[in-house]
N, C-alpha and C. Protein backbone atom coordinates (compact mmCIF):
# COMPACT_ATOMS: atom_id res chain seq x y z
N MET A 1 81.53 54.59 -104.30
CA MET A 1 81.09 55.46 -105.47
C MET A 1 80.03 54.61 -106.31
N LEU A 2 80.15 53.33 -106.36
CA LEU A 2 79.24 52.68 -107.07
C LEU A 2 77.61 52.53 -106.30
N SER A 3 77.91 52.48 -105.05
CA SER A 3 76.69 52.37 -104.17
C SER A 3 75.94 53.86 -104.40
N ARG A 4 76.72 54.87 -104.26
CA ARG A 4 75.88 56.47 -104.57
C ARG A 4 75.42 56.31 -106.00
N ALA A 5 76.08 55.57 -107.05
CA ALA A 5 75.47 55.68 -108.28
C ALA A 5 74.10 54.85 -108.48
N ARG A 6 74.21 53.62 -107.51
CA ARG A 6 73.08 52.85 -107.49
C ARG A 6 71.97 53.60 -106.79
N ASN A 7 72.26 54.30 -105.65
CA ASN A 7 71.20 54.92 -104.95
C ASN A 7 70.81 56.16 -105.54
N GLY A 8 71.47 56.82 -106.30
CA GLY A 8 70.94 57.68 -107.26
C GLY A 8 70.06 57.34 -108.30
N ALA A 9 70.49 56.18 -109.01
CA ALA A 9 69.30 55.50 -109.92
C ALA A 9 68.19 55.13 -109.24
N ILE A 10 68.35 54.59 -108.14
CA ILE A 10 67.01 54.13 -107.46
C ILE A 10 66.06 55.51 -107.07
N ALA A 11 66.72 56.46 -106.67
CA ALA A 11 65.99 57.82 -106.39
C ALA A 11 65.31 58.28 -107.75
N MET A 12 65.99 58.19 -108.95
CA MET A 12 65.59 58.72 -110.22
C MET A 12 64.43 57.80 -110.53
N ALA A 13 64.60 56.45 -110.65
CA ALA A 13 63.44 55.67 -110.74
C ALA A 13 62.29 55.79 -110.03
N THR A 14 62.53 55.92 -108.72
CA THR A 14 61.39 56.31 -107.76
C THR A 14 60.60 57.55 -108.21
N LYS A 15 61.55 58.55 -108.63
CA LYS A 15 60.83 59.81 -108.92
C LYS A 15 59.90 59.57 -110.38
N LYS A 16 60.46 58.81 -111.13
CA LYS A 16 59.34 58.40 -112.28
C LYS A 16 58.43 57.54 -112.10
N GLY A 17 58.04 57.09 -110.60
CA GLY A 17 57.00 56.12 -110.32
C GLY A 17 57.34 54.74 -110.54
N LEU A 18 58.54 54.10 -110.70
CA LEU A 18 59.02 52.98 -110.53
C LEU A 18 59.24 52.41 -109.26
N GLN A 19 58.61 51.13 -108.96
CA GLN A 19 59.00 50.62 -107.63
C GLN A 19 60.10 49.66 -107.76
N VAL A 20 61.32 50.11 -107.13
CA VAL A 20 62.58 49.28 -107.40
C VAL A 20 62.69 48.20 -106.50
N GLY A 21 62.49 48.23 -105.31
CA GLY A 21 62.31 47.11 -104.39
C GLY A 21 63.83 46.46 -104.40
N ASP A 22 63.73 45.18 -104.52
CA ASP A 22 64.77 44.28 -104.55
C ASP A 22 65.51 44.10 -106.03
N ASP A 23 64.80 44.44 -106.86
CA ASP A 23 64.92 44.12 -108.45
C ASP A 23 65.58 45.39 -109.00
N THR A 24 67.22 45.15 -109.09
CA THR A 24 67.75 46.34 -109.95
C THR A 24 67.68 46.27 -111.27
N SER A 25 67.27 45.11 -111.85
CA SER A 25 67.09 45.13 -113.41
C SER A 25 66.20 46.56 -113.88
N VAL A 26 65.58 47.02 -113.10
CA VAL A 26 64.68 48.24 -113.54
C VAL A 26 65.64 49.43 -113.61
N LEU A 27 66.76 49.36 -113.29
CA LEU A 27 67.71 50.66 -113.10
C LEU A 27 68.24 50.98 -114.45
N HIS A 28 68.29 49.99 -115.52
CA HIS A 28 68.96 49.87 -116.79
C HIS A 28 68.86 51.31 -117.30
N ASP A 29 67.77 51.92 -117.22
CA ASP A 29 67.59 53.21 -117.94
C ASP A 29 67.93 54.44 -117.30
N PHE A 30 68.45 54.42 -115.95
CA PHE A 30 68.92 55.16 -115.10
C PHE A 30 70.51 55.24 -114.68
N LYS A 31 71.36 54.98 -115.72
CA LYS A 31 72.59 54.95 -115.45
C LYS A 31 73.20 56.46 -115.22
N PRO A 32 74.20 56.67 -114.41
CA PRO A 32 74.70 57.87 -114.29
C PRO A 32 75.40 58.21 -115.83
N ALA A 33 75.55 59.47 -115.80
CA ALA A 33 76.32 60.24 -117.18
C ALA A 33 77.53 59.84 -117.23
N TRP A 34 78.16 59.45 -116.24
CA TRP A 34 79.83 59.15 -116.53
C TRP A 34 80.19 57.85 -116.86
N MET A 35 79.14 57.04 -116.96
CA MET A 35 79.16 55.55 -117.14
C MET A 35 78.53 55.01 -118.39
N ARG A 36 79.19 54.19 -118.87
CA ARG A 36 78.91 53.61 -120.43
C ARG A 36 77.87 52.63 -119.82
N ILE A 37 76.85 52.30 -120.97
CA ILE A 37 75.73 51.68 -120.80
C ILE A 37 75.83 50.16 -120.19
N GLU A 38 76.82 49.46 -121.26
CA GLU A 38 77.34 48.01 -121.04
C GLU A 38 77.78 47.69 -119.46
N PRO A 39 78.92 48.48 -118.97
CA PRO A 39 79.22 48.25 -117.51
C PRO A 39 77.87 48.35 -116.59
N TRP A 40 76.99 49.51 -116.79
CA TRP A 40 76.06 49.73 -116.04
C TRP A 40 75.03 48.63 -115.96
N LYS A 41 74.89 47.95 -116.96
CA LYS A 41 73.72 46.71 -116.94
C LYS A 41 74.46 45.67 -116.34
N GLU A 42 75.81 45.35 -116.56
CA GLU A 42 76.40 44.39 -115.79
C GLU A 42 76.40 44.50 -114.49
N LEU A 43 76.45 45.96 -113.96
CA LEU A 43 76.34 46.09 -112.51
C LEU A 43 74.99 45.56 -112.00
N CYS A 44 74.24 46.18 -112.66
CA CYS A 44 72.67 45.84 -112.33
C CYS A 44 72.25 44.33 -112.25
N GLU A 45 72.94 43.79 -113.10
CA GLU A 45 72.81 42.30 -112.87
C GLU A 45 73.54 41.63 -111.78
N ILE A 46 74.66 42.09 -111.44
CA ILE A 46 75.48 41.75 -110.42
C ILE A 46 74.70 41.84 -109.24
N TRP A 47 74.07 43.23 -109.16
CA TRP A 47 73.47 43.56 -107.69
C TRP A 47 72.31 42.93 -107.70
N ASN A 48 71.65 42.12 -108.60
CA ASN A 48 70.41 41.54 -108.81
C ASN A 48 70.68 40.03 -108.16
N THR A 49 71.99 39.40 -108.03
CA THR A 49 72.27 38.21 -107.66
C THR A 49 71.92 37.79 -106.18
N PRO A 50 71.50 36.84 -105.78
CA PRO A 50 71.13 36.28 -104.25
C PRO A 50 72.46 36.78 -103.50
N GLU A 51 73.66 36.50 -103.94
CA GLU A 51 74.85 36.54 -103.13
C GLU A 51 75.02 38.16 -102.77
N CYS A 52 74.74 38.84 -103.71
CA CYS A 52 75.04 40.33 -103.66
C CYS A 52 73.79 41.06 -102.78
N LYS A 53 72.76 40.36 -102.70
CA LYS A 53 71.68 40.95 -102.07
C LYS A 53 71.78 40.52 -100.52
N GLU A 54 72.11 39.32 -100.40
CA GLU A 54 72.51 38.81 -99.06
C GLU A 54 73.59 39.80 -98.18
N LYS A 55 74.83 39.92 -99.21
CA LYS A 55 75.96 40.72 -98.55
C LYS A 55 75.23 42.07 -98.32
N ARG A 56 74.49 42.63 -99.09
CA ARG A 56 74.04 44.04 -98.61
C ARG A 56 73.02 43.92 -97.38
N ARG A 57 72.41 43.10 -97.35
CA ARG A 57 71.28 42.91 -96.18
C ARG A 57 72.22 42.70 -94.77
N ARG A 58 73.19 41.74 -95.04
CA ARG A 58 74.09 41.48 -93.83
C ARG A 58 74.81 42.71 -93.41
N ASN A 59 75.57 43.47 -94.46
CA ASN A 59 76.26 44.61 -94.12
C ASN A 59 75.34 45.78 -93.44
N LYS A 60 74.06 45.95 -93.90
CA LYS A 60 73.39 46.85 -93.29
C LYS A 60 73.03 46.65 -91.86
N GLU A 61 72.69 45.10 -91.71
CA GLU A 61 72.61 44.72 -90.29
C GLU A 61 73.71 45.18 -89.38
N ASN A 62 74.88 45.04 -89.87
CA ASN A 62 76.07 44.95 -89.03
C ASN A 62 76.04 46.38 -88.89
N ARG A 63 76.20 47.44 -89.79
CA ARG A 63 76.28 48.78 -89.66
C ARG A 63 75.24 49.22 -88.52
N ASN A 64 74.07 48.58 -88.71
CA ASN A 64 73.12 49.19 -87.45
C ASN A 64 73.40 48.65 -85.97
N LYS A 65 73.76 47.66 -86.27
CA LYS A 65 74.06 47.10 -84.47
C LYS A 65 75.46 47.38 -84.13
N SER A 66 76.50 47.85 -84.89
CA SER A 66 77.86 48.18 -84.39
C SER A 66 77.67 49.64 -83.69
N THR A 67 78.26 49.50 -82.48
CA THR A 67 78.34 50.58 -81.69
C THR A 67 79.99 50.99 -81.32
N TRP A 68 80.94 49.96 -81.36
CA TRP A 68 82.19 50.31 -81.23
C TRP A 68 83.00 50.94 -82.18
N GLY A 69 83.98 51.75 -81.85
CA GLY A 69 84.64 52.38 -82.77
C GLY A 69 84.16 53.79 -83.42
N LYS A 70 82.87 54.18 -82.82
CA LYS A 70 82.31 55.20 -83.15
C LYS A 70 82.71 56.52 -82.29
N HIS A 71 82.77 57.76 -82.68
CA HIS A 71 82.92 58.75 -81.90
C HIS A 71 81.90 59.11 -81.12
N THR A 72 81.64 58.79 -79.82
CA THR A 72 80.40 59.10 -79.01
C THR A 72 80.62 60.10 -77.87
N LEU A 73 81.76 60.76 -77.98
CA LEU A 73 82.03 61.73 -76.81
C LEU A 73 81.43 63.09 -77.23
N GLY A 74 80.85 62.90 -78.32
CA GLY A 74 80.12 64.31 -78.57
C GLY A 74 81.22 65.67 -78.71
N SER A 75 80.47 66.65 -77.90
CA SER A 75 81.37 67.91 -77.62
C SER A 75 82.18 67.62 -76.53
N GLN A 76 81.98 66.56 -75.71
CA GLN A 76 82.81 66.34 -74.49
C GLN A 76 84.17 66.45 -74.76
N THR A 77 84.90 67.33 -73.78
CA THR A 77 86.46 67.02 -73.81
C THR A 77 86.95 65.97 -73.15
N PHE A 78 88.36 65.84 -73.66
CA PHE A 78 89.11 64.60 -73.00
C PHE A 78 89.14 64.89 -71.50
N VAL A 79 89.29 66.17 -70.98
CA VAL A 79 89.46 66.30 -69.53
C VAL A 79 88.16 65.67 -68.91
N THR A 80 87.13 66.06 -69.48
CA THR A 80 85.65 65.91 -68.98
C THR A 80 85.44 64.20 -68.90
N ALA A 81 85.76 63.62 -70.03
CA ALA A 81 85.67 62.45 -70.18
C ALA A 81 86.65 61.70 -69.23
N LYS A 82 87.87 62.30 -69.02
CA LYS A 82 88.78 61.62 -67.74
C LYS A 82 88.12 61.70 -66.48
N GLN A 83 87.38 63.11 -66.12
CA GLN A 83 86.90 63.10 -64.93
C GLN A 83 85.72 62.16 -64.71
N GLU A 84 84.94 61.90 -65.52
CA GLU A 84 83.84 60.75 -65.65
C GLU A 84 84.41 59.50 -65.34
N THR A 85 85.38 59.11 -66.13
CA THR A 85 85.84 57.70 -65.97
C THR A 85 86.40 57.64 -64.50
N VAL A 86 87.12 58.78 -64.03
CA VAL A 86 87.91 58.42 -62.53
C VAL A 86 86.63 58.58 -61.72
N LYS A 87 85.72 59.15 -61.76
CA LYS A 87 84.29 58.90 -60.75
C LYS A 87 83.83 57.59 -60.93
N ASP A 88 83.82 56.96 -62.12
CA ASP A 88 82.98 55.81 -62.50
C ASP A 88 83.86 54.78 -61.71
N ILE A 89 85.24 54.58 -61.73
CA ILE A 89 86.12 53.64 -61.32
C ILE A 89 86.66 53.88 -59.96
N ASN A 90 86.39 55.22 -59.39
CA ASN A 90 86.86 55.53 -58.09
C ASN A 90 88.27 55.25 -57.82
N ARG A 91 89.16 55.68 -58.46
CA ARG A 91 90.45 55.89 -58.32
C ARG A 91 91.24 56.36 -59.60
N SER A 92 92.48 56.70 -59.46
CA SER A 92 93.10 57.58 -60.29
C SER A 92 93.16 56.67 -61.71
N LEU A 93 93.33 57.27 -62.70
CA LEU A 93 93.16 56.83 -64.07
C LEU A 93 94.71 56.67 -64.74
N LEU A 94 94.75 55.47 -65.29
CA LEU A 94 95.91 55.11 -65.88
C LEU A 94 95.39 55.28 -67.53
N VAL A 95 96.45 55.64 -68.35
CA VAL A 95 96.29 56.20 -69.74
C VAL A 95 95.58 54.98 -70.56
N HIS A 96 95.81 53.55 -70.34
CA HIS A 96 95.28 52.75 -71.11
C HIS A 96 93.75 52.37 -70.70
N ILE A 97 93.43 52.68 -69.43
CA ILE A 97 92.11 52.66 -68.93
C ILE A 97 91.09 53.61 -69.50
N MET A 98 91.93 54.81 -69.69
CA MET A 98 91.21 56.28 -70.53
C MET A 98 91.08 55.67 -71.91
N LEU A 99 91.86 55.25 -72.54
CA LEU A 99 91.69 54.89 -74.13
C LEU A 99 90.75 53.73 -74.33
N VAL A 100 90.72 52.81 -73.27
CA VAL A 100 89.53 51.80 -73.33
C VAL A 100 88.22 52.39 -73.15
N SER A 101 88.08 53.40 -72.04
CA SER A 101 86.89 53.84 -71.79
C SER A 101 86.31 55.04 -72.73
N CYS A 102 87.09 55.40 -73.59
CA CYS A 102 86.80 56.47 -74.70
C CYS A 102 86.37 55.49 -76.08
N LEU A 103 87.16 54.34 -76.24
CA LEU A 103 86.73 53.44 -77.19
C LEU A 103 85.48 52.54 -77.09
N TYR A 104 85.28 52.29 -75.69
CA TYR A 104 83.96 51.55 -75.50
C TYR A 104 83.28 52.01 -74.37
N PRO A 105 82.65 53.24 -74.74
CA PRO A 105 81.77 53.99 -73.41
C PRO A 105 81.00 53.03 -72.89
N ARG A 106 80.73 53.40 -71.63
CA ARG A 106 79.54 52.59 -70.82
C ARG A 106 78.15 53.16 -71.20
N SER A 107 77.03 52.49 -71.63
CA SER A 107 75.89 53.13 -71.88
C SER A 107 75.20 53.06 -70.33
N GLY A 108 74.35 54.51 -70.38
CA GLY A 108 73.57 54.34 -69.00
C GLY A 108 74.07 55.00 -68.21
């Protein structure tokens, strides 16, 4: 919820012609309507700390390189996925192998 508020404030500041970049202190005047000014200013200061900036950078990197755990079957049915896995491993399929192949699909 707070990241949406921050992103909304960044969007409003950008519309007004301000360059936010890495400095969130320019967002003081762009607080959400539902928040009081004192907590908003405190949040802007917290978001400006090197620790918070590093944490956001690291989390963004991790989100971009993470592929496991995502739904990657698309519109493929369970039966189709099972048939593909059987073809890949050249033998009948056990349940635990199917679960692994759905969670960690092979690329290519």
